[in-house]
Amino acid sequence: MMELKTKIWMTGALEWFAYIGDGEVYLGGREVPYPLQDGDTWKNRFGDVFRVIGGEIVLLGRSGRPGEHW
């Protein structure tokens, strides 16, 4: 099992957040892989793309908001 260096937490609404840099960042909900492993990549509902690199969650950028399916 990998040691994650980024502080993360889940809210009562089952949404994941993390401290990345100096701020609190929304990681996503069900789209966040669990357990997190080095190399995992995902996109949250706002289009922010994250990857686990060397035990840290890195915000790679925004790739455009994915479509919502109702």
N, C-alpha and C. Protein backbone atom coordinates (compact mmCIF):
# COMPACT_ATOMS: atom_id res chain seq x y z
N MET A 1 0.84 -1.19 0.00
CA MET A 1 0.00 0.00 0.00
C MET A 1 0.88 1.25 0.00
N MET A 2 0.51 2.23 -0.80
CA MET A 2 1.28 3.45 -0.96
C MET A 2 0.94 4.46 0.14
N GLU A 3 1.97 5.19 0.59
CA GLU A 3 1.74 6.27 1.54
C GLU A 3 1.43 7.54 0.76
N LEU A 4 0.25 8.11 0.99
CA LEU A 4 -0.16 9.33 0.31
C LEU A 4 0.34 10.53 1.10
N LYS A 5 1.04 11.44 0.42
CA LYS A 5 1.62 12.61 1.07
C LYS A 5 0.66 13.79 1.12
N THR A 6 -0.37 13.78 0.28
CA THR A 6 -1.35 14.86 0.22
C THR A 6 -2.44 14.60 1.24
N LYS A 7 -2.81 15.63 2.01
CA LYS A 7 -3.88 15.49 3.00
C LYS A 7 -5.22 15.53 2.27
N ILE A 8 -6.01 14.45 2.40
CA ILE A 8 -7.32 14.37 1.76
C ILE A 8 -8.38 14.05 2.80
N TRP A 9 -9.63 14.38 2.48
CA TRP A 9 -10.74 14.02 3.35
C TRP A 9 -12.02 13.92 2.53
N MET A 10 -12.98 13.19 3.08
CA MET A 10 -14.27 13.01 2.44
C MET A 10 -15.34 13.65 3.30
N THR A 11 -16.26 14.36 2.66
CA THR A 11 -17.36 15.00 3.38
C THR A 11 -18.50 14.00 3.57
N GLY A 12 -19.51 14.42 4.32
CA GLY A 12 -20.69 13.59 4.51
C GLY A 12 -21.46 13.37 3.23
N ALA A 13 -21.24 14.22 2.23
CA ALA A 13 -21.88 14.07 0.92
C ALA A 13 -21.05 13.18 -0.01
N LEU A 14 -20.05 12.49 0.54
CA LEU A 14 -19.18 11.57 -0.20
C LEU A 14 -18.40 12.27 -1.31
N GLU A 15 -17.94 13.47 -1.03
CA GLU A 15 -17.10 14.22 -1.96
C GLU A 15 -15.71 14.36 -1.36
N TRP A 16 -14.69 14.19 -2.21
CA TRP A 16 -13.30 14.23 -1.78
C TRP A 16 -12.71 15.62 -1.98
N PHE A 17 -11.93 16.07 -0.99
CA PHE A 17 -11.20 17.33 -1.05
C PHE A 17 -9.76 17.08 -0.64
N ALA A 18 -8.85 17.99 -1.03
CA ALA A 18 -7.44 17.87 -0.68
C ALA A 18 -6.84 19.26 -0.54
N TYR A 19 -5.75 19.34 0.22
CA TYR A 19 -4.93 20.55 0.22
C TYR A 19 -3.86 20.36 -0.83
N ILE A 20 -3.93 21.18 -1.88
CA ILE A 20 -2.92 21.16 -2.95
C ILE A 20 -2.37 22.56 -3.02
N GLY A 21 -1.07 22.69 -2.80
CA GLY A 21 -0.45 24.02 -2.73
C GLY A 21 -0.96 24.72 -1.48
N ASP A 22 -1.47 25.92 -1.64
CA ASP A 22 -1.95 26.69 -0.50
C ASP A 22 -3.46 26.66 -0.36
N GLY A 23 -4.15 25.84 -1.16
CA GLY A 23 -5.60 25.89 -1.13
C GLY A 23 -6.28 24.55 -1.01
N GLU A 24 -7.55 24.63 -0.68
CA GLU A 24 -8.42 23.47 -0.60
C GLU A 24 -9.01 23.24 -1.99
N VAL A 25 -8.89 22.01 -2.49
CA VAL A 25 -9.30 21.71 -3.86
C VAL A 25 -10.30 20.56 -3.85
N TYR A 26 -11.37 20.71 -4.66
CA TYR A 26 -12.36 19.65 -4.84
C TYR A 26 -11.80 18.61 -5.79
N LEU A 27 -11.68 17.37 -5.31
CA LEU A 27 -11.16 16.29 -6.14
C LEU A 27 -12.25 15.59 -6.94
N GLY A 28 -13.43 15.50 -6.36
CA GLY A 28 -14.53 14.82 -7.04
C GLY A 28 -15.31 13.94 -6.10
N GLY A 29 -16.18 13.17 -6.66
CA GLY A 29 -17.01 12.24 -5.90
C GLY A 29 -16.65 10.81 -6.27
N ARG A 30 -17.58 10.14 -6.94
CA ARG A 30 -17.36 8.75 -7.33
C ARG A 30 -16.24 8.55 -8.34
N GLU A 31 -15.88 9.62 -9.04
CA GLU A 31 -14.83 9.49 -10.07
C GLU A 31 -13.42 9.36 -9.47
N VAL A 32 -13.26 9.65 -8.18
CA VAL A 32 -11.95 9.54 -7.53
C VAL A 32 -11.66 8.06 -7.26
N PRO A 33 -10.57 7.52 -7.83
CA PRO A 33 -10.27 6.11 -7.60
C PRO A 33 -9.90 5.86 -6.14
N TYR A 34 -10.35 4.73 -5.62
CA TYR A 34 -10.05 4.39 -4.23
C TYR A 34 -9.79 2.90 -4.14
N PRO A 35 -8.70 2.48 -3.53
CA PRO A 35 -7.65 3.30 -2.93
C PRO A 35 -6.77 3.93 -4.01
N LEU A 36 -6.23 5.10 -3.69
CA LEU A 36 -5.37 5.82 -4.63
C LEU A 36 -4.02 5.12 -4.75
N GLN A 37 -3.54 5.00 -5.98
CA GLN A 37 -2.24 4.39 -6.27
C GLN A 37 -1.45 5.33 -7.17
N ASP A 38 -0.13 5.22 -7.12
CA ASP A 38 0.72 6.04 -7.98
C ASP A 38 0.32 5.82 -9.44
N GLY A 39 0.15 6.91 -10.18
CA GLY A 39 -0.21 6.84 -11.59
C GLY A 39 -1.70 6.99 -11.85
N ASP A 40 -2.55 6.89 -10.81
CA ASP A 40 -3.99 7.07 -11.00
C ASP A 40 -4.28 8.46 -11.54
N THR A 41 -5.17 8.55 -12.52
CA THR A 41 -5.56 9.82 -13.13
C THR A 41 -7.08 9.86 -13.22
N TRP A 42 -7.69 11.03 -12.94
CA TRP A 42 -9.13 11.18 -13.06
C TRP A 42 -9.49 12.63 -13.32
N LYS A 43 -10.74 12.83 -13.76
CA LYS A 43 -11.27 14.16 -14.05
C LYS A 43 -12.53 14.34 -13.22
N ASN A 44 -12.63 15.46 -12.49
CA ASN A 44 -13.85 15.71 -11.71
C ASN A 44 -14.93 16.34 -12.60
N ARG A 45 -16.09 16.59 -12.03
CA ARG A 45 -17.22 17.09 -12.82
C ARG A 45 -17.02 18.50 -13.36
N PHE A 46 -16.00 19.21 -12.86
CA PHE A 46 -15.71 20.56 -13.36
C PHE A 46 -14.64 20.54 -14.45
N GLY A 47 -14.11 19.35 -14.75
CA GLY A 47 -13.10 19.21 -15.79
C GLY A 47 -11.67 19.30 -15.29
N ASP A 48 -11.47 19.41 -13.98
CA ASP A 48 -10.11 19.43 -13.42
C ASP A 48 -9.52 18.02 -13.48
N VAL A 49 -8.29 17.91 -13.97
CA VAL A 49 -7.63 16.61 -14.12
C VAL A 49 -6.54 16.48 -13.07
N PHE A 50 -6.54 15.34 -12.37
CA PHE A 50 -5.59 15.07 -11.30
C PHE A 50 -4.84 13.78 -11.59
N ARG A 51 -3.62 13.68 -11.04
CA ARG A 51 -2.83 12.46 -11.12
C ARG A 51 -2.04 12.30 -9.82
N VAL A 52 -1.87 11.06 -9.40
CA VAL A 52 -1.03 10.76 -8.24
C VAL A 52 0.38 10.50 -8.76
N ILE A 53 1.32 11.35 -8.33
CA ILE A 53 2.72 11.24 -8.75
C ILE A 53 3.60 11.23 -7.51
N GLY A 54 4.34 10.17 -7.31
CA GLY A 54 5.24 10.08 -6.16
C GLY A 54 4.53 10.22 -4.83
N GLY A 55 3.29 9.73 -4.75
CA GLY A 55 2.54 9.78 -3.50
C GLY A 55 1.82 11.10 -3.26
N GLU A 56 1.88 12.04 -4.21
CA GLU A 56 1.20 13.33 -4.07
C GLU A 56 0.16 13.49 -5.17
N ILE A 57 -0.98 14.09 -4.82
CA ILE A 57 -2.00 14.40 -5.81
C ILE A 57 -1.62 15.72 -6.47
N VAL A 58 -1.55 15.70 -7.80
CA VAL A 58 -1.14 16.87 -8.58
C VAL A 58 -2.30 17.29 -9.48
N LEU A 59 -2.60 18.59 -9.48
CA LEU A 59 -3.60 19.13 -10.39
C LEU A 59 -2.91 19.40 -11.73
N LEU A 60 -3.27 18.64 -12.76
CA LEU A 60 -2.62 18.77 -14.06
C LEU A 60 -3.19 19.93 -14.87
N GLY A 61 -4.43 20.29 -14.62
CA GLY A 61 -5.05 21.38 -15.35
C GLY A 61 -6.52 21.11 -15.58
N ARG A 62 -7.10 21.92 -16.44
CA ARG A 62 -8.53 21.79 -16.74
C ARG A 62 -8.67 21.39 -18.20
N SER A 63 -9.48 20.36 -18.44
CA SER A 63 -9.63 19.87 -19.81
C SER A 63 -11.02 20.15 -20.36
N GLY A 64 -11.72 21.08 -19.78
CA GLY A 64 -13.08 21.35 -20.22
C GLY A 64 -14.05 20.54 -19.41
N ARG A 65 -15.20 21.12 -19.16
CA ARG A 65 -16.19 20.44 -18.32
C ARG A 65 -16.78 19.26 -19.06
N PRO A 66 -16.73 18.09 -18.43
CA PRO A 66 -17.33 16.92 -19.07
C PRO A 66 -18.85 17.06 -19.12
N GLY A 67 -19.46 16.41 -20.06
CA GLY A 67 -20.92 16.47 -20.17
C GLY A 67 -21.60 15.78 -19.00
N GLU A 68 -22.73 16.30 -18.60
CA GLU A 68 -23.51 15.67 -17.53
C GLU A 68 -24.61 14.84 -18.16
N HIS A 69 -24.81 13.66 -17.64
CA HIS A 69 -25.83 12.75 -18.16
C HIS A 69 -26.96 12.67 -17.13
N TRP A 70 -28.16 12.91 -17.59
CA TRP A 70 -29.33 12.87 -16.68
C TRP A 70 -30.13 11.64 -16.93
